[in-house]
N, C-alpha and C. Protein backbone atom coordinates (compact mmCIF):
# COMPACT_ATOMS: atom_id res chain seq x y z
N MET A 1 53.20 415.48 208.27
CA MET A 1 53.74 414.81 209.43
C MET A 1 54.66 413.67 209.02
N GLU A 2 54.19 412.80 208.10
CA GLU A 2 55.00 411.68 207.64
C GLU A 2 56.25 412.16 206.92
N GLU A 3 56.13 413.28 206.20
CA GLU A 3 57.28 413.84 205.50
C GLU A 3 58.34 414.28 206.48
N ASP A 4 57.94 414.86 207.62
CA ASP A 4 58.90 415.28 208.64
C ASP A 4 59.64 414.08 209.21
N VAL A 5 58.92 413.02 209.48
CA VAL A 5 59.53 411.81 210.02
C VAL A 5 60.50 411.22 209.00
N ALA A 6 60.09 411.17 207.73
CA ALA A 6 60.96 410.64 206.68
C ALA A 6 62.22 411.49 206.54
N LYS A 7 62.09 412.80 206.62
CA LYS A 7 63.24 413.69 206.51
C LYS A 7 64.20 413.49 207.68
N ARG A 8 63.67 413.32 208.88
CA ARG A 8 64.53 413.09 210.05
C ARG A 8 65.26 411.76 209.93
N ILE A 9 64.57 410.75 209.45
CA ILE A 9 65.20 409.44 209.25
C ILE A 9 66.31 409.55 208.20
N GLU A 10 66.03 410.23 207.11
CA GLU A 10 67.03 410.41 206.06
C GLU A 10 68.26 411.15 206.58
N THR A 11 68.05 412.18 207.37
CA THR A 11 69.16 412.94 207.95
C THR A 11 70.02 412.06 208.84
N LYS A 12 69.38 411.25 209.65
CA LYS A 12 70.13 410.35 210.54
C LYS A 12 70.87 409.28 209.77
N LEU A 13 70.26 408.74 208.73
CA LEU A 13 70.93 407.75 207.90
C LEU A 13 72.14 408.35 207.18
N ASP A 14 72.01 409.59 206.72
CA ASP A 14 73.14 410.27 206.09
C ASP A 14 74.30 410.41 207.07
N ALA A 15 73.99 410.74 208.31
CA ALA A 15 75.02 410.86 209.33
C ALA A 15 75.70 409.51 209.60
N ILE A 16 74.92 408.45 209.62
CA ILE A 16 75.47 407.11 209.85
C ILE A 16 76.41 406.73 208.70
N VAL A 17 76.02 407.02 207.48
CA VAL A 17 76.86 406.72 206.32
C VAL A 17 78.19 407.46 206.44
N ARG A 18 78.14 408.74 206.81
CA ARG A 18 79.38 409.52 206.96
C ARG A 18 80.27 408.94 208.06
N LEU A 19 79.67 408.52 209.16
CA LEU A 19 80.44 407.93 210.25
C LEU A 19 81.09 406.61 209.84
N LEU A 20 80.36 405.81 209.11
CA LEU A 20 80.90 404.52 208.66
C LEU A 20 81.97 404.70 207.58
N ALA A 21 81.85 405.75 206.78
CA ALA A 21 82.81 405.99 205.71
C ALA A 21 84.10 406.64 206.19
N ALA A 22 84.06 407.30 207.33
CA ALA A 22 85.23 408.03 207.84
C ALA A 22 86.48 407.16 207.92
N PRO A 23 86.43 405.96 208.49
CA PRO A 23 87.66 405.14 208.54
C PRO A 23 88.16 404.71 207.16
N LEU A 24 87.26 404.62 206.19
CA LEU A 24 87.67 404.22 204.84
C LEU A 24 88.50 405.28 204.15
N VAL A 25 88.26 406.54 204.47
CA VAL A 25 88.95 407.63 203.77
C VAL A 25 90.10 408.23 204.58
N GLN A 26 90.20 407.83 205.83
CA GLN A 26 91.24 408.39 206.69
C GLN A 26 92.63 408.02 206.18
N GLY A 27 93.47 409.01 206.00
CA GLY A 27 94.84 408.78 205.56
C GLY A 27 94.99 408.52 204.07
N LYS A 28 93.92 408.67 203.31
CA LYS A 28 93.97 408.45 201.87
C LYS A 28 93.92 409.77 201.14
N THR A 29 94.42 409.77 199.92
CA THR A 29 94.27 410.96 199.08
C THR A 29 92.80 411.07 198.68
N VAL A 30 92.43 412.22 198.17
CA VAL A 30 91.05 412.41 197.74
C VAL A 30 90.71 411.40 196.63
N THR A 31 91.64 411.19 195.72
CA THR A 31 91.39 410.25 194.62
C THR A 31 91.18 408.84 195.15
N GLN A 32 92.01 408.40 196.08
CA GLN A 32 91.86 407.07 196.67
C GLN A 32 90.53 406.95 197.42
N ALA A 33 90.19 407.99 198.17
CA ALA A 33 88.94 407.97 198.93
C ALA A 33 87.74 407.93 198.00
N VAL A 34 87.79 408.72 196.95
CA VAL A 34 86.68 408.75 195.97
C VAL A 34 86.52 407.38 195.33
N GLN A 35 87.62 406.76 194.95
CA GLN A 35 87.54 405.43 194.33
C GLN A 35 86.96 404.40 195.29
N ALA A 36 87.39 404.45 196.55
CA ALA A 36 86.89 403.48 197.53
C ALA A 36 85.39 403.65 197.76
N LEU A 37 84.95 404.88 197.89
CA LEU A 37 83.53 405.14 198.15
C LEU A 37 82.68 404.84 196.91
N ALA A 38 83.21 405.12 195.74
CA ALA A 38 82.48 404.82 194.51
C ALA A 38 82.34 403.31 194.33
N ALA A 39 83.37 402.58 194.73
CA ALA A 39 83.32 401.11 194.63
C ALA A 39 82.22 400.54 195.52
N LEU A 40 81.88 401.27 196.58
CA LEU A 40 80.80 400.84 197.47
C LEU A 40 79.42 401.22 196.93
N GLY A 41 79.40 401.99 195.85
CA GLY A 41 78.14 402.35 195.22
C GLY A 41 77.52 403.63 195.74
N LEU A 42 78.28 404.43 196.46
CA LEU A 42 77.73 405.69 196.96
C LEU A 42 77.57 406.69 195.81
N PRO A 43 76.53 407.48 195.84
CA PRO A 43 76.35 408.50 194.80
C PRO A 43 77.40 409.60 194.93
N ARG A 44 77.69 410.25 193.84
CA ARG A 44 78.73 411.29 193.81
C ARG A 44 78.46 412.41 194.81
N ARG A 45 77.21 412.75 194.99
CA ARG A 45 76.86 413.81 195.93
C ARG A 45 77.29 413.44 197.35
N ASP A 46 77.05 412.19 197.73
CA ASP A 46 77.44 411.73 199.07
C ASP A 46 78.95 411.62 199.20
N ILE A 47 79.61 411.14 198.14
CA ILE A 47 81.07 411.06 198.16
C ILE A 47 81.66 412.45 198.33
N ALA A 48 81.11 413.42 197.64
CA ALA A 48 81.59 414.79 197.73
C ALA A 48 81.45 415.33 199.16
N THR A 49 80.35 415.04 199.79
CA THR A 49 80.13 415.49 201.17
C THR A 49 81.15 414.86 202.10
N ILE A 50 81.37 413.55 201.96
CA ILE A 50 82.30 412.84 202.83
C ILE A 50 83.73 413.34 202.63
N CYS A 51 84.10 413.61 201.38
CA CYS A 51 85.47 414.03 201.05
C CYS A 51 85.64 415.55 201.11
N ASN A 52 84.59 416.26 201.48
CA ASN A 52 84.63 417.72 201.58
C ASN A 52 85.05 418.36 200.25
N THR A 53 84.39 417.94 199.19
CA THR A 53 84.65 418.48 197.87
C THR A 53 83.32 418.61 197.13
N THR A 54 83.37 418.79 195.84
CA THR A 54 82.14 418.95 195.06
C THR A 54 81.86 417.70 194.23
N PRO A 55 80.61 417.50 193.84
CA PRO A 55 80.31 416.37 192.95
C PRO A 55 81.09 416.43 191.63
N ALA A 56 81.34 417.64 191.13
CA ALA A 56 82.11 417.78 189.89
C ALA A 56 83.55 417.30 190.10
N ALA A 57 84.13 417.59 191.25
CA ALA A 57 85.48 417.13 191.55
C ALA A 57 85.52 415.61 191.68
N VAL A 58 84.48 415.04 192.26
CA VAL A 58 84.38 413.58 192.38
C VAL A 58 84.34 412.97 190.99
N SER A 59 83.53 413.53 190.10
CA SER A 59 83.44 413.02 188.73
C SER A 59 84.79 413.11 188.03
N ALA A 60 85.51 414.20 188.26
CA ALA A 60 86.82 414.37 187.64
C ALA A 60 87.81 413.32 188.15
N ARG A 61 87.81 413.07 189.46
CA ARG A 61 88.72 412.06 190.03
C ARG A 61 88.41 410.68 189.49
N LEU A 62 87.13 410.34 189.37
CA LEU A 62 86.75 409.03 188.85
C LEU A 62 87.14 408.90 187.37
N SER A 63 86.97 409.98 186.63
CA SER A 63 87.34 409.97 185.22
C SER A 63 88.85 409.79 185.06
N GLU A 64 89.63 410.50 185.87
CA GLU A 64 91.09 410.38 185.82
C GLU A 64 91.52 408.96 186.15
N ALA A 65 90.90 408.38 187.16
CA ALA A 65 91.26 407.02 187.57
C ALA A 65 90.91 406.03 186.47
N LYS A 66 89.76 406.22 185.84
CA LYS A 66 89.34 405.32 184.76
C LYS A 66 90.29 405.44 183.57
N ARG A 67 90.69 406.67 183.25
CA ARG A 67 91.63 406.90 182.16
C ARG A 67 92.97 406.23 182.46
N GLY A 68 93.42 406.33 183.70
CA GLY A 68 94.67 405.70 184.11
C GLY A 68 94.62 404.19 183.99
N GLN A 69 93.49 403.59 184.32
CA GLN A 69 93.34 402.14 184.21
C GLN A 69 93.39 401.70 182.76
N LYS A 70 92.80 402.48 181.86
CA LYS A 70 92.82 402.13 180.44
C LYS A 70 94.25 402.18 179.90
N GLN A 71 95.01 403.19 180.31
CA GLN A 71 96.40 403.31 179.85
C GLN A 71 97.24 402.16 180.37
N THR A 72 97.01 401.76 181.61
CA THR A 72 97.75 400.65 182.19
C THR A 72 97.45 399.37 181.43
N ARG A 73 96.19 399.13 181.08
CA ARG A 73 95.82 397.94 180.33
C ARG A 73 96.46 397.94 178.95
N ARG A 74 96.51 399.10 178.31
CA ARG A 74 97.13 399.19 176.98
C ARG A 74 98.61 398.86 177.06
N ARG A 75 99.29 399.41 178.07
CA ARG A 75 100.73 399.14 178.23
C ARG A 75 100.97 397.67 178.47
N THR A 76 100.15 397.05 179.30
CA THR A 76 100.30 395.64 179.60
C THR A 76 100.11 394.80 178.34
N ARG A 77 99.14 395.16 177.53
CA ARG A 77 98.84 394.41 176.31
C ARG A 77 99.99 394.54 175.31
N THR A 78 100.59 395.73 175.20
CA THR A 78 101.66 395.90 174.24
C THR A 78 102.95 395.22 174.69
N ARG A 79 103.16 395.12 175.97
CA ARG A 79 104.35 394.45 176.50
C ARG A 79 104.17 392.93 176.51
N GLY A 80 102.96 392.48 176.73
CA GLY A 80 102.68 391.05 176.82
C GLY A 80 102.24 390.52 175.48
N GLU A 81 101.29 389.62 175.55
CA GLU A 81 100.77 389.01 174.34
C GLU A 81 99.91 390.00 173.56
N SER A 82 99.90 389.85 172.27
CA SER A 82 99.01 390.69 171.47
C SER A 82 97.61 390.09 171.49
N LYS A 83 96.65 390.90 171.25
CA LYS A 83 95.25 390.46 171.33
C LYS A 83 94.80 389.69 170.15
């Protein structure tokens, strides 16, 4: 009985999260949406559901974004002061 109640509560909370996240991802690319939702601390599974993609695709987008940030930092360092 308690498990049923907990499952119903979890289902409703998941729906609330999706509703609250909808304005954050509206008009954004999948990569931008994934980054915004990850910055909020949402798990990849939930981000995938909100963005209508897979957790593996979410991981790939986050990895690409992280790689891009590292390259930008390297370029800035080589153009600016040396470390």
